[in-house]
Amino acid sequence: MSLRLIVSMEAAPGKINDLIEAYRIRCEEVRHEAGCEQYELYQSTERPNQVVLLEKWSDEVALQDHIDLGKTKDSSATRSLRMGDTSIERYAMD
Protein backbone atom coordinates (compact mmCIF):
# COMPACT_ATOMS: atom_id res chain seq x y z
CA MET A 1 0.00 0.00 0.00
CA SER A 2 1.42 3.37 -1.06
CA LEU A 3 1.36 6.34 1.26
CA ARG A 4 0.77 9.96 0.26
CA LEU A 5 1.83 12.82 2.50
CA ILE A 6 0.72 16.41 2.01
CA VAL A 7 2.91 18.76 4.03
CA SER A 8 1.84 22.42 4.19
CA MET A 9 4.24 25.12 5.30
CA GLU A 10 4.40 28.90 5.39
CA ALA A 11 7.60 30.77 4.63
CA ALA A 12 8.91 33.30 7.11
CA PRO A 13 8.56 36.90 5.89
CA GLY A 14 10.98 37.55 3.04
CA LYS A 15 12.19 33.93 3.01
CA ILE A 16 10.03 32.26 0.35
CA ASN A 17 12.80 32.13 -2.28
CA ASP A 18 15.26 30.72 0.25
CA LEU A 19 12.74 28.10 1.36
CA ILE A 20 12.03 27.05 -2.22
CA GLU A 21 15.76 26.77 -2.98
CA ALA A 22 16.41 24.72 0.16
CA TYR A 23 13.65 22.31 -0.81
CA ARG A 24 14.80 22.17 -4.42
CA ILE A 25 18.07 20.72 -3.15
CA ARG A 26 16.35 18.50 -0.57
CA CYS A 27 13.86 17.14 -3.12
CA GLU A 28 16.68 16.11 -5.42
CA GLU A 29 18.33 14.17 -2.58
CA VAL A 30 15.16 12.49 -1.30
CA ARG A 31 14.04 11.31 -4.75
CA HIS A 32 17.01 8.91 -4.70
CA GLU A 33 15.87 7.21 -1.49
CA ALA A 34 14.50 3.69 -1.80
CA GLY A 35 10.71 3.68 -2.07
CA CYS A 36 10.35 7.37 -2.90
CA GLU A 37 7.84 7.75 -5.72
CA GLN A 38 7.29 11.52 -5.44
CA TYR A 39 8.82 14.36 -3.43
CA GLU A 40 7.92 17.75 -4.91
CA LEU A 41 7.36 21.26 -3.59
CA TYR A 42 4.64 23.54 -4.95
CA GLN A 43 4.06 27.23 -4.22
CA SER A 44 0.50 28.49 -3.80
CA THR A 45 -0.75 30.83 -6.51
CA GLU A 46 -3.19 32.46 -4.06
CA ARG A 47 -0.94 32.71 -0.99
CA PRO A 48 2.63 33.18 -2.26
CA ASN A 49 4.22 32.47 1.15
CA GLN A 50 2.46 29.09 1.35
CA VAL A 51 4.05 25.93 -0.04
CA VAL A 52 3.02 22.30 -0.07
CA LEU A 53 5.31 19.31 -0.24
CA LEU A 54 3.78 16.28 -1.97
CA GLU A 55 5.32 12.98 -0.97
CA LYS A 56 4.49 9.49 -2.17
CA TRP A 57 6.15 6.41 -0.68
CA SER A 58 5.86 2.81 -1.85
CA ASP A 59 5.09 1.55 1.66
CA GLU A 60 5.34 2.24 5.38
CA VAL A 61 8.88 0.80 5.59
CA ALA A 62 10.19 3.22 2.94
CA LEU A 63 8.52 6.16 4.68
CA GLN A 64 9.90 5.15 8.07
CA ASP A 65 13.40 4.80 6.58
CA HIS A 66 13.03 8.33 5.18
CA ILE A 67 11.90 9.65 8.57
CA ASP A 68 14.79 7.90 10.35
CA LEU A 69 17.30 9.27 7.82
CA GLY A 70 15.86 12.76 8.29
CA LYS A 71 16.55 12.55 12.01
CA THR A 72 20.27 12.27 11.28
CA LYS A 73 20.29 15.35 9.03
CA ASP A 74 20.31 18.96 10.18
CA SER A 75 16.84 20.32 9.42
CA SER A 76 17.41 23.60 11.28
CA ALA A 77 18.23 25.29 7.96
CA THR A 78 14.64 24.98 6.76
CA ARG A 79 13.15 25.62 10.20
CA SER A 80 14.56 29.13 10.19
CA LEU A 81 12.90 29.73 6.80
CA ARG A 82 9.42 28.73 7.99
CA MET A 83 6.91 30.21 10.38
CA GLY A 84 3.92 28.78 12.17
CA ASP A 85 2.97 25.15 12.32
CA THR A 86 3.69 22.63 9.60
CA SER A 87 0.63 20.56 8.74
CA ILE A 88 1.09 16.93 7.68
CA GLU A 89 -1.77 14.91 6.23
CA ARG A 90 -1.29 11.21 5.54
CA TYR A 91 -3.30 9.14 3.08
CA ALA A 92 -3.18 5.44 2.18
CA MET A 93 -3.40 4.39 -1.45
CA ASP A 94 -4.13 0.89 -2.76
PDB file of N, CA and C in Angstrom:
ATOM      1  N   MET A   1       0.834  -1.173   0.000  1.00  0.00           N
ATOM      2  CA  MET A   1       0.000   0.000   0.000  1.00  0.00           C
ATOM      3  C   MET A   1       0.886   1.246   0.000  1.00  0.00           C
ATOM      4  N   SER A   2       0.686   2.103  -0.977  1.00  0.00           N
ATOM      5  CA  SER A   2       1.423   3.367  -1.062  1.00  0.00           C
ATOM      6  C   SER A   2       0.891   4.357  -0.040  1.00  0.00           C
ATOM      7  N   LEU A   3       1.750   5.281   0.333  1.00  0.00           N
ATOM      8  CA  LEU A   3       1.363   6.341   1.261  1.00  0.00           C
ATOM      9  C   LEU A   3       1.613   7.699   0.614  1.00  0.00           C
ATOM     10  N   ARG A   4       0.654   8.594   0.767  1.00  0.00           N
ATOM     11  CA  ARG A   4       0.768   9.959   0.263  1.00  0.00           C
ATOM     12  C   ARG A   4       0.804  10.893   1.460  1.00  0.00           C
ATOM     13  N   LEU A   5       1.769  11.797   1.478  1.00  0.00           N
ATOM     14  CA  LEU A   5       1.828  12.824   2.505  1.00  0.00           C
ATOM     15  C   LEU A   5       1.674  14.177   1.832  1.00  0.00           C
ATOM     16  N   ILE A   6       0.885  15.032   2.456  1.00  0.00           N
ATOM     17  CA  ILE A   6       0.725  16.408   2.009  1.00  0.00           C
ATOM     18  C   ILE A   6       1.180  17.281   3.172  1.00  0.00           C
ATOM     19  N   VAL A   7       2.286  17.968   2.971  1.00  0.00           N
ATOM     20  CA  VAL A   7       2.914  18.757   4.026  1.00  0.00           C
ATOM     21  C   VAL A   7       2.795  20.232   3.656  1.00  0.00           C
ATOM     22  N   SER A   8       2.040  20.991   4.452  1.00  0.00           N
ATOM     23  CA  SER A   8       1.837  22.422   4.194  1.00  0.00           C
ATOM     24  C   SER A   8       2.714  23.250   5.120  1.00  0.00           C
ATOM     25  N   MET A   9       3.351  24.251   4.537  1.00  0.00           N
ATOM     26  CA  MET A   9       4.239  25.124   5.300  1.00  0.00           C
ATOM     27  C   MET A   9       4.063  26.569   4.859  1.00  0.00           C
ATOM     28  N   GLU A  10       4.400  27.486   5.736  1.00  0.00           N
ATOM     29  CA  GLU A  10       4.396  28.902   5.393  1.00  0.00           C
ATOM     30  C   GLU A  10       5.808  29.444   5.570  1.00  0.00           C
ATOM     31  N   ALA A  11       6.270  30.177   4.565  1.00  0.00           N
ATOM     32  CA  ALA A  11       7.604  30.767   4.629  1.00  0.00           C
ATOM     33  C   ALA A  11       7.608  31.942   5.598  1.00  0.00           C
ATOM     34  N   ALA A  12       8.723  32.123   6.275  1.00  0.00           N
ATOM     35  CA  ALA A  12       8.907  33.303   7.109  1.00  0.00           C
ATOM     36  C   ALA A  12       8.931  34.532   6.199  1.00  0.00           C
ATOM     37  N   PRO A  13       8.576  35.691   6.722  1.00  0.00           N
ATOM     38  CA  PRO A  13       8.564  36.900   5.894  1.00  0.00           C
ATOM     39  C   PRO A  13       9.895  37.107   5.165  1.00  0.00           C
ATOM     40  N   GLY A  14       9.802  37.307   3.856  1.00  0.00           N
ATOM     41  CA  GLY A  14      10.984  37.553   3.035  1.00  0.00           C
ATOM     42  C   GLY A  14      11.838  36.331   2.752  1.00  0.00           C
ATOM     43  N   LYS A  15      11.377  35.141   3.134  1.00  0.00           N
ATOM     44  CA  LYS A  15      12.194  33.926   3.009  1.00  0.00           C
ATOM     45  C   LYS A  15      11.658  32.909   2.001  1.00  0.00           C
ATOM     46  N   ILE A  16      10.632  33.243   1.242  1.00  0.00           N
ATOM     47  CA  ILE A  16      10.032  32.260   0.347  1.00  0.00           C
ATOM     48  C   ILE A  16      11.034  31.726  -0.679  1.00  0.00           C
ATOM     49  N   ASN A  17      11.835  32.599  -1.274  1.00  0.00           N
ATOM     50  CA  ASN A  17      12.801  32.131  -2.280  1.00  0.00           C
ATOM     51  C   ASN A  17      13.863  31.236  -1.655  1.00  0.00           C
ATOM     52  N   ASP A  18      14.284  31.559  -0.446  1.00  0.00           N
ATOM     53  CA  ASP A  18      15.264  30.722   0.254  1.00  0.00           C
ATOM     54  C   ASP A  18      14.671  29.358   0.603  1.00  0.00           C
ATOM     55  N   LEU A  19      13.404  29.357   1.016  1.00  0.00           N
ATOM     56  CA  LEU A  19      12.738  28.097   1.358  1.00  0.00           C
ATOM     57  C   LEU A  19      12.589  27.217   0.120  1.00  0.00           C
ATOM     58  N   ILE A  20      12.178  27.807  -0.975  1.00  0.00           N
ATOM     59  CA  ILE A  20      12.029  27.052  -2.221  1.00  0.00           C
ATOM     60  C   ILE A  20      13.374  26.479  -2.664  1.00  0.00           C
ATOM     61  N   GLU A  21      14.431  27.256  -2.577  1.00  0.00           N
ATOM     62  CA  GLU A  21      15.758  26.772  -2.983  1.00  0.00           C
ATOM     63  C   GLU A  21      16.235  25.646  -2.073  1.00  0.00           C
ATOM     64  N   ALA A  22      16.007  25.780  -0.768  1.00  0.00           N
ATOM     65  CA  ALA A  22      16.414  24.720   0.165  1.00  0.00           C
ATOM     66  C   ALA A  22      15.687  23.415  -0.153  1.00  0.00           C
ATOM     67  N   TYR A  23      14.408  23.510  -0.477  1.00  0.00           N
ATOM     68  CA  TYR A  23      13.652  22.306  -0.813  1.00  0.00           C
ATOM     69  C   TYR A  23      13.963  21.781  -2.204  1.00  0.00           C
ATOM     70  N   ARG A  24      14.383  22.650  -3.103  1.00  0.00           N
ATOM     71  CA  ARG A  24      14.804  22.172  -4.422  1.00  0.00           C
ATOM     72  C   ARG A  24      15.961  21.194  -4.254  1.00  0.00           C
ATOM     73  N   ILE A  25      16.909  21.570  -3.425  1.00  0.00           N
ATOM     74  CA  ILE A  25      18.072  20.721  -3.154  1.00  0.00           C
ATOM     75  C   ILE A  25      17.643  19.456  -2.399  1.00  0.00           C
ATOM     76  N   ARG A  26      16.807  19.631  -1.379  1.00  0.00           N
ATOM     77  CA  ARG A  26      16.348  18.495  -0.571  1.00  0.00           C
ATOM     78  C   ARG A  26      15.545  17.508  -1.410  1.00  0.00           C
ATOM     79  N   CYS A  27      14.677  18.019  -2.273  1.00  0.00           N
ATOM     80  CA  CYS A  27      13.857  17.144  -3.121  1.00  0.00           C
ATOM     81  C   CYS A  27      14.736  16.270  -4.009  1.00  0.00           C
ATOM     82  N   GLU A  28      15.759  16.855  -4.554  1.00  0.00           N
ATOM     83  CA  GLU A  28      16.675  16.105  -5.425  1.00  0.00           C
ATOM     84  C   GLU A  28      17.326  14.962  -4.652  1.00  0.00           C
ATOM     85  N   GLU A  29      17.716  15.213  -3.413  1.00  0.00           N
ATOM     86  CA  GLU A  29      18.332  14.174  -2.577  1.00  0.00           C
ATOM     87  C   GLU A  29      17.333  13.061  -2.237  1.00  0.00           C
ATOM     88  N   VAL A  30      16.144  13.452  -1.794  1.00  0.00           N
ATOM     89  CA  VAL A  30      15.161  12.486  -1.304  1.00  0.00           C
ATOM     90  C   VAL A  30      14.651  11.590  -2.424  1.00  0.00           C
ATOM     91  N   ARG A  31      14.546  12.113  -3.633  1.00  0.00           N
ATOM     92  CA  ARG A  31      14.040  11.312  -4.753  1.00  0.00           C
ATOM     93  C   ARG A  31      14.901  10.073  -5.029  1.00  0.00           C
ATOM     94  N   HIS A  32      16.123  10.061  -4.514  1.00  0.00           N
ATOM     95  CA  HIS A  32      17.010   8.913  -4.702  1.00  0.00           C
ATOM     96  C   HIS A  32      16.873   7.871  -3.589  1.00  0.00           C
ATOM     97  N   GLU A  33      16.072   8.166  -2.580  1.00  0.00           N
ATOM     98  CA  GLU A  33      15.873   7.211  -1.491  1.00  0.00           C
ATOM     99  C   GLU A  33      15.000   6.048  -1.965  1.00  0.00           C
ATOM    100  N   ALA A  34      15.286   4.878  -1.452  1.00  0.00           N
ATOM    101  CA  ALA A  34      14.503   3.690  -1.796  1.00  0.00           C
ATOM    102  C   ALA A  34      13.044   3.896  -1.417  1.00  0.00           C
ATOM    103  N   GLY A  35      12.141   3.601  -2.338  1.00  0.00           N
ATOM    104  CA  GLY A  35      10.713   3.682  -2.074  1.00  0.00           C
ATOM    105  C   GLY A  35      10.089   5.042  -2.293  1.00  0.00           C
ATOM    106  N   CYS A  36      10.889   6.042  -2.632  1.00  0.00           N
ATOM    107  CA  CYS A  36      10.345   7.370  -2.897  1.00  0.00           C
ATOM    108  C   CYS A  36       9.776   7.403  -4.317  1.00  0.00           C
ATOM    109  N   GLU A  37       8.494   7.670  -4.427  1.00  0.00           N
ATOM    110  CA  GLU A  37       7.838   7.753  -5.723  1.00  0.00           C
ATOM    111  C   GLU A  37       7.563   9.198  -6.128  1.00  0.00           C
ATOM    112  N   GLN A  38       7.473  10.095  -5.153  1.00  0.00           N
ATOM    113  CA  GLN A  38       7.293  11.519  -5.436  1.00  0.00           C
ATOM    114  C   GLN A  38       7.746  12.312  -4.220  1.00  0.00           C
ATOM    115  N   TYR A  39       8.402  13.434  -4.476  1.00  0.00           N
ATOM    116  CA  TYR A  39       8.822  14.358  -3.432  1.00  0.00           C
ATOM    117  C   TYR A  39       8.999  15.699  -4.124  1.00  0.00           C
ATOM    118  N   GLU A  40       7.930  16.497  -4.147  1.00  0.00           N
ATOM    119  CA  GLU A  40       7.925  17.745  -4.912  1.00  0.00           C
ATOM    120  C   GLU A  40       7.298  18.874  -4.107  1.00  0.00           C
ATOM    121  N   LEU A  41       7.849  20.066  -4.276  1.00  0.00           N
ATOM    122  CA  LEU A  41       7.365  21.258  -3.595  1.00  0.00           C
ATOM    123  C   LEU A  41       6.611  22.131  -4.581  1.00  0.00           C
ATOM    124  N   TYR A  42       5.459  22.640  -4.143  1.00  0.00           N
ATOM    125  CA  TYR A  42       4.642  23.540  -4.950  1.00  0.00           C
ATOM    126  C   TYR A  42       4.354  24.802  -4.154  1.00  0.00           C
ATOM    127  N   GLN A  43       4.367  25.941  -4.834  1.00  0.00           N
ATOM    128  CA  GLN A  43       4.060  27.226  -4.222  1.00  0.00           C
ATOM    129  C   GLN A  43       2.620  27.604  -4.568  1.00  0.00           C
ATOM    130  N   SER A  44       1.886  28.078  -3.592  1.00  0.00           N
ATOM    131  CA  SER A  44       0.501  28.488  -3.804  1.00  0.00           C
ATOM    132  C   SER A  44       0.435  29.698  -4.741  1.00  0.00           C
ATOM    133  N   THR A  45      -0.539  29.684  -5.631  1.00  0.00           N
ATOM    134  CA  THR A  45      -0.754  30.833  -6.513  1.00  0.00           C
ATOM    135  C   THR A  45      -1.619  31.888  -5.829  1.00  0.00           C
ATOM    136  N   GLU A  46      -2.340  31.515  -4.780  1.00  0.00           N
ATOM    137  CA  GLU A  46      -3.189  32.461  -4.060  1.00  0.00           C
ATOM    138  C   GLU A  46      -2.520  33.044  -2.810  1.00  0.00           C
ATOM    139  N   ARG A  47      -1.659  32.267  -2.194  1.00  0.00           N
ATOM    140  CA  ARG A  47      -0.944  32.713  -0.992  1.00  0.00           C
ATOM    141  C   ARG A  47       0.539  32.456  -1.226  1.00  0.00           C
ATOM    142  N   PRO A  48       1.245  33.400  -1.813  1.00  0.00           N
ATOM    143  CA  PRO A  48       2.627  33.178  -2.259  1.00  0.00           C
ATOM    144  C   PRO A  48       3.612  32.711  -1.186  1.00  0.00           C
ATOM    145  N   ASN A  49       3.321  32.932   0.082  1.00  0.00           N
ATOM    146  CA  ASN A  49       4.225  32.472   1.147  1.00  0.00           C
ATOM    147  C   ASN A  49       3.904  31.055   1.594  1.00  0.00           C
ATOM    148  N   GLN A  50       2.883  30.444   0.986  1.00  0.00           N
ATOM    149  CA  GLN A  50       2.461  29.090   1.350  1.00  0.00           C
ATOM    150  C   GLN A  50       3.004  28.092   0.325  1.00  0.00           C
ATOM    151  N   VAL A  51       3.574  27.002   0.822  1.00  0.00           N
ATOM    152  CA  VAL A  51       4.050  25.925  -0.044  1.00  0.00           C
ATOM    153  C   VAL A  51       3.490  24.609   0.459  1.00  0.00           C
ATOM    154  N   VAL A  52       3.442  23.646  -0.447  1.00  0.00           N
ATOM    155  CA  VAL A  52       3.017  22.296  -0.070  1.00  0.00           C
ATOM    156  C   VAL A  52       4.022  21.314  -0.651  1.00  0.00           C
ATOM    157  N   LEU A  53       4.407  20.371   0.165  1.00  0.00           N
ATOM    158  CA  LEU A  53       5.312  19.307  -0.243  1.00  0.00           C
ATOM    159  C   LEU A  53       4.472  18.057  -0.448  1.00  0.00           C
ATOM    160  N   LEU A  54       4.506  17.505  -1.671  1.00  0.00           N
ATOM    161  CA  LEU A  54       3.777  16.284  -1.972  1.00  0.00           C
ATOM    162  C   LEU A  54       4.752  15.122  -1.959  1.00  0.00           C
ATOM    163  N   GLU A  55       4.474  14.167  -1.095  1.00  0.00           N
ATOM    164  CA  GLU A  55       5.324  12.985  -0.974  1.00  0.00           C
ATOM    165  C   GLU A  55       4.503  11.751  -1.299  1.00  0.00           C
ATOM    166  N   LYS A  56       5.117  10.789  -1.954  1.00  0.00           N
ATOM    167  CA  LYS A  56       4.490   9.493  -2.166  1.00  0.00           C
ATOM    168  C   LYS A  56       5.557   8.433  -1.929  1.00  0.00           C
ATOM    169  N   TRP A  57       5.222   7.476  -1.071  1.00  0.00           N
ATOM    170  CA  TRP A  57       6.145   6.413  -0.684  1.00  0.00           C
ATOM    171  C   TRP A  57       5.527   5.066  -1.017  1.00  0.00           C
ATOM    172  N   SER A  58       6.343   4.121  -1.426  1.00  0.00           N
ATOM    173  CA  SER A  58       5.860   2.810  -1.853  1.00  0.00           C
ATOM    174  C   SER A  58       5.191   2.040  -0.724  1.00  0.00           C
ATOM    175  N   ASP A  59       5.673   2.253   0.506  1.00  0.00           N
ATOM    176  CA  ASP A  59       5.089   1.554   1.659  1.00  0.00           C
ATOM    177  C   ASP A  59       5.556   2.200   2.953  1.00  0.00           C
ATOM    178  N   GLU A  60       5.038   1.692   4.054  1.00  0.00           N
ATOM    179  CA  GLU A  60       5.342   2.238   5.378  1.00  0.00           C
ATOM    180  C   GLU A  60       6.831   2.107   5.714  1.00  0.00           C
ATOM    181  N   VAL A  61       7.449   1.014   5.308  1.00  0.00           N
ATOM    182  CA  VAL A  61       8.876   0.803   5.592  1.00  0.00           C
ATOM    183  C   VAL A  61       9.719   1.886   4.929  1.00  0.00           C
ATOM    184  N   ALA A  62       9.433   2.185   3.664  1.00  0.00           N
ATOM    185  CA  ALA A  62      10.188   3.218   2.945  1.00  0.00           C
ATOM    186  C   ALA A  62      10.001   4.579   3.606  1.00  0.00           C
ATOM    187  N   LEU A  63       8.773   4.885   4.005  1.00  0.00           N
ATOM    188  CA  LEU A  63       8.517   6.157   4.684  1.00  0.00           C
ATOM    189  C   LEU A  63       9.257   6.223   6.011  1.00  0.00           C
ATOM    190  N   GLN A  64       9.218   5.148   6.782  1.00  0.00           N
ATOM    191  CA  GLN A  64       9.903   5.147   8.074  1.00  0.00           C
ATOM    192  C   GLN A  64      11.415   5.286   7.892  1.00  0.00           C
ATOM    193  N   ASP A  65      11.968   4.641   6.871  1.00  0.00           N
ATOM    194  CA  ASP A  65      13.400   4.797   6.582  1.00  0.00           C
ATOM    195  C   ASP A  65      13.723   6.256   6.271  1.00  0.00           C
ATOM    196  N   HIS A  66      12.846   6.910   5.512  1.00  0.00           N
ATOM    197  CA  HIS A  66      13.034   8.328   5.182  1.00  0.00           C
ATOM    198  C   HIS A  66      12.986   9.184   6.449  1.00  0.00           C
ATOM    199  N   ILE A  67      12.031   8.904   7.314  1.00  0.00           N
ATOM    200  CA  ILE A  67      11.904   9.655   8.568  1.00  0.00           C
ATOM    201  C   ILE A  67      13.147   9.450   9.428  1.00  0.00           C
ATOM    202  N   ASP A  68      13.603   8.198   9.547  1.00  0.00           N
ATOM    203  CA  ASP A  68      14.794   7.901  10.348  1.00  0.00           C
ATOM    204  C   ASP A  68      16.027   8.597   9.779  1.00  0.00           C
ATOM    205  N   LEU A  69      16.167   8.600   8.460  1.00  0.00           N
ATOM    206  CA  LEU A  69      17.296   9.268   7.821  1.00  0.00           C
ATOM    207  C   LEU A  69      17.240  10.768   8.073  1.00  0.00           C
ATOM    208  N   GLY A  70      16.033  11.334   8.042  1.00  0.00           N
ATOM    209  CA  GLY A  70      15.863  12.760   8.287  1.00  0.00           C
ATOM    210  C   GLY A  70      16.273  13.173   9.684  1.00  0.00           C
ATOM    211  N   LYS A  71      16.158  12.255  10.632  1.00  0.00           N
ATOM    212  CA  LYS A  71      16.554  12.554  12.010  1.00  0.00           C
ATOM    213  C   LYS A  71      18.058  12.731  12.132  1.00  0.00           C
ATOM    214  N   THR A  72      18.812  12.154  11.218  1.00  0.00           N
ATOM    215  CA  THR A  72      20.266  12.271  11.281  1.00  0.00           C
ATOM    216  C   THR A  72      20.771  13.506  10.537  1.00  0.00           C
ATOM    217  N   LYS A  73      19.892  14.163   9.779  1.00  0.00           N
ATOM    218  CA  LYS A  73      20.293  15.353   9.030  1.00  0.00           C
ATOM    219  C   LYS A  73      19.914  16.599   9.802  1.00  0.00           C
ATOM    220  N   ASP A  74      20.592  17.686   9.519  1.00  0.00           N
ATOM    221  CA  ASP A  74      20.312  18.957  10.182  1.00  0.00           C
ATOM    222  C   ASP A  74      19.168  19.654   9.454  1.00  0.00           C
ATOM    223  N   SER A  75      17.993  19.672  10.049  1.00  0.00           N
ATOM    224  CA  SER A  75      16.843  20.324   9.418  1.00  0.00           C
ATOM    225  C   SER A  75      16.649  21.749   9.920  1.00  0.00           C
ATOM    226  N   SER A  76      17.565  22.243  10.747  1.00  0.00           N
ATOM    227  CA  SER A  76      17.415  23.596  11.276  1.00  0.00           C
ATOM    228  C   SER A  76      17.490  24.653  10.173  1.00  0.00           C
ATOM    229  N   ALA A  77      18.133  24.330   9.063  1.00  0.00           N
ATOM    230  CA  ALA A  77      18.227  25.294   7.956  1.00  0.00           C
ATOM    231  C   ALA A  77      16.845  25.649   7.427  1.00  0.00           C
ATOM    232  N   THR A  78      15.976  24.677   7.252  1.00  0.00           N
ATOM    233  CA  THR A  78      14.639  24.984   6.759  1.00  0.00           C
ATOM    234  C   THR A  78      13.735  25.496   7.871  1.00  0.00           C
ATOM    235  N   ARG A  79      13.969  25.110   9.094  1.00  0.00           N
ATOM    236  CA  ARG A  79      13.154  25.619  10.204  1.00  0.00           C
ATOM    237  C   ARG A  79      13.228  27.132  10.301  1.00  0.00           C
ATOM    238  N   SER A  80      14.400  27.677  10.089  1.00  0.00           N
ATOM    239  CA  SER A  80      14.560  29.133  10.188  1.00  0.00           C
ATOM    240  C   SER A  80      13.907  29.869   9.022  1.00  0.00           C
ATOM    241  N   LEU A  81      13.536  29.135   7.984  1.00  0.00           N
ATOM    242  CA  LEU A  81      12.905  29.735   6.805  1.00  0.00           C
ATOM    243  C   LEU A  81      11.383  29.631   6.855  1.00  0.00           C
ATOM    244  N   ARG A  82      10.858  28.939   7.871  1.00  0.00           N
ATOM    245  CA  ARG A  82       9.417  28.727   7.994  1.00  0.00           C
ATOM    246  C   ARG A  82       8.879  29.449   9.214  1.00  0.00           C
ATOM    247  N   MET A  83       7.565  29.659   9.200  1.00  0.00           N
ATOM    248  CA  MET A  83       6.906  30.208  10.385  1.00  0.00           C
ATOM    249  C   MET A  83       5.617  29.426  10.629  1.00  0.00           C
ATOM    250  N   GLY A  84       5.154  29.468  11.842  1.00  0.00           N
ATOM    251  CA  GLY A  84       3.916  28.778  12.170  1.00  0.00           C
ATOM    252  C   GLY A  84       4.099  27.275  12.196  1.00  0.00           C
ATOM    253  N   ASP A  85       2.972  26.604  12.256  1.00  0.00           N
ATOM    254  CA  ASP A  85       2.972  25.149  12.322  1.00  0.00           C
ATOM    255  C   ASP A  85       3.032  24.545  10.926  1.00  0.00           C
ATOM    256  N   THR A  86       3.686  23.411  10.827  1.00  0.00           N
ATOM    257  CA  THR A  86       3.691  22.628   9.599  1.00  0.00           C
ATOM    258  C   THR A  86       2.601  21.586   9.735  1.00  0.00           C
ATOM    259  N   SER A  87       1.741  21.510   8.736  1.00  0.00           N
ATOM    260  CA  SER A  87       0.634  20.559   8.736  1.00  0.00           C
ATOM    261  C   SER A  87       1.007  19.351   7.880  1.00  0.00           C
ATOM    262  N   ILE A  88       0.807  18.152   8.425  1.00  0.00           N
ATOM    263  CA  ILE A  88       1.091  16.929   7.684  1.00  0.00           C
ATOM    264  C   ILE A  88      -0.174  16.078   7.641  1.00  0.00           C
ATOM    265  N   GLU A  89      -0.635  15.802   6.425  1.00  0.00           N
ATOM    266  CA  GLU A  89      -1.773  14.911   6.228  1.00  0.00           C
ATOM    267  C   GLU A  89      -1.255  13.645   5.575  1.00  0.00           C
ATOM    268  N   ARG A  90      -1.765  12.508   6.036  1.00  0.00           N
ATOM    269  CA  ARG A  90      -1.287  11.208   5.540  1.00  0.00           C
ATOM    270  C   ARG A  90      -2.464  10.431   4.972  1.00  0.00           C
ATOM    271  N   TYR A  91      -2.246   9.892   3.755  1.00  0.00           N
ATOM    272  CA  TYR A  91      -3.296   9.136   3.075  1.00  0.00           C
ATOM    273  C   TYR A  91      -2.744   7.798   2.593  1.00  0.00           C
ATOM    274  N   ALA A  92      -3.553   6.755   2.687  1.00  0.00           N
ATOM    275  CA  ALA A  92      -3.181   5.436   2.179  1.00  0.00           C
ATOM    276  C   ALA A  92      -3.761   5.272   0.780  1.00  0.00           C
ATOM    277  N   MET A  93      -2.967   4.631  -0.087  1.00  0.00           N
ATOM    278  CA  MET A  93      -3.398   4.386  -1.452  1.00  0.00           C
ATOM    279  C   MET A  93      -3.238   2.907  -1.766  1.00  0.00           C
ATOM    280  N   ASP A  94      -4.244   2.300  -2.340  1.00  0.00           N
ATOM    281  CA  ASP A  94      -4.131   0.895  -2.763  1.00  0.00           C
ATOM    282  C   ASP A  94      -3.565   0.809  -4.145  1.00  0.00           C
TER     283      ASP A  94
END
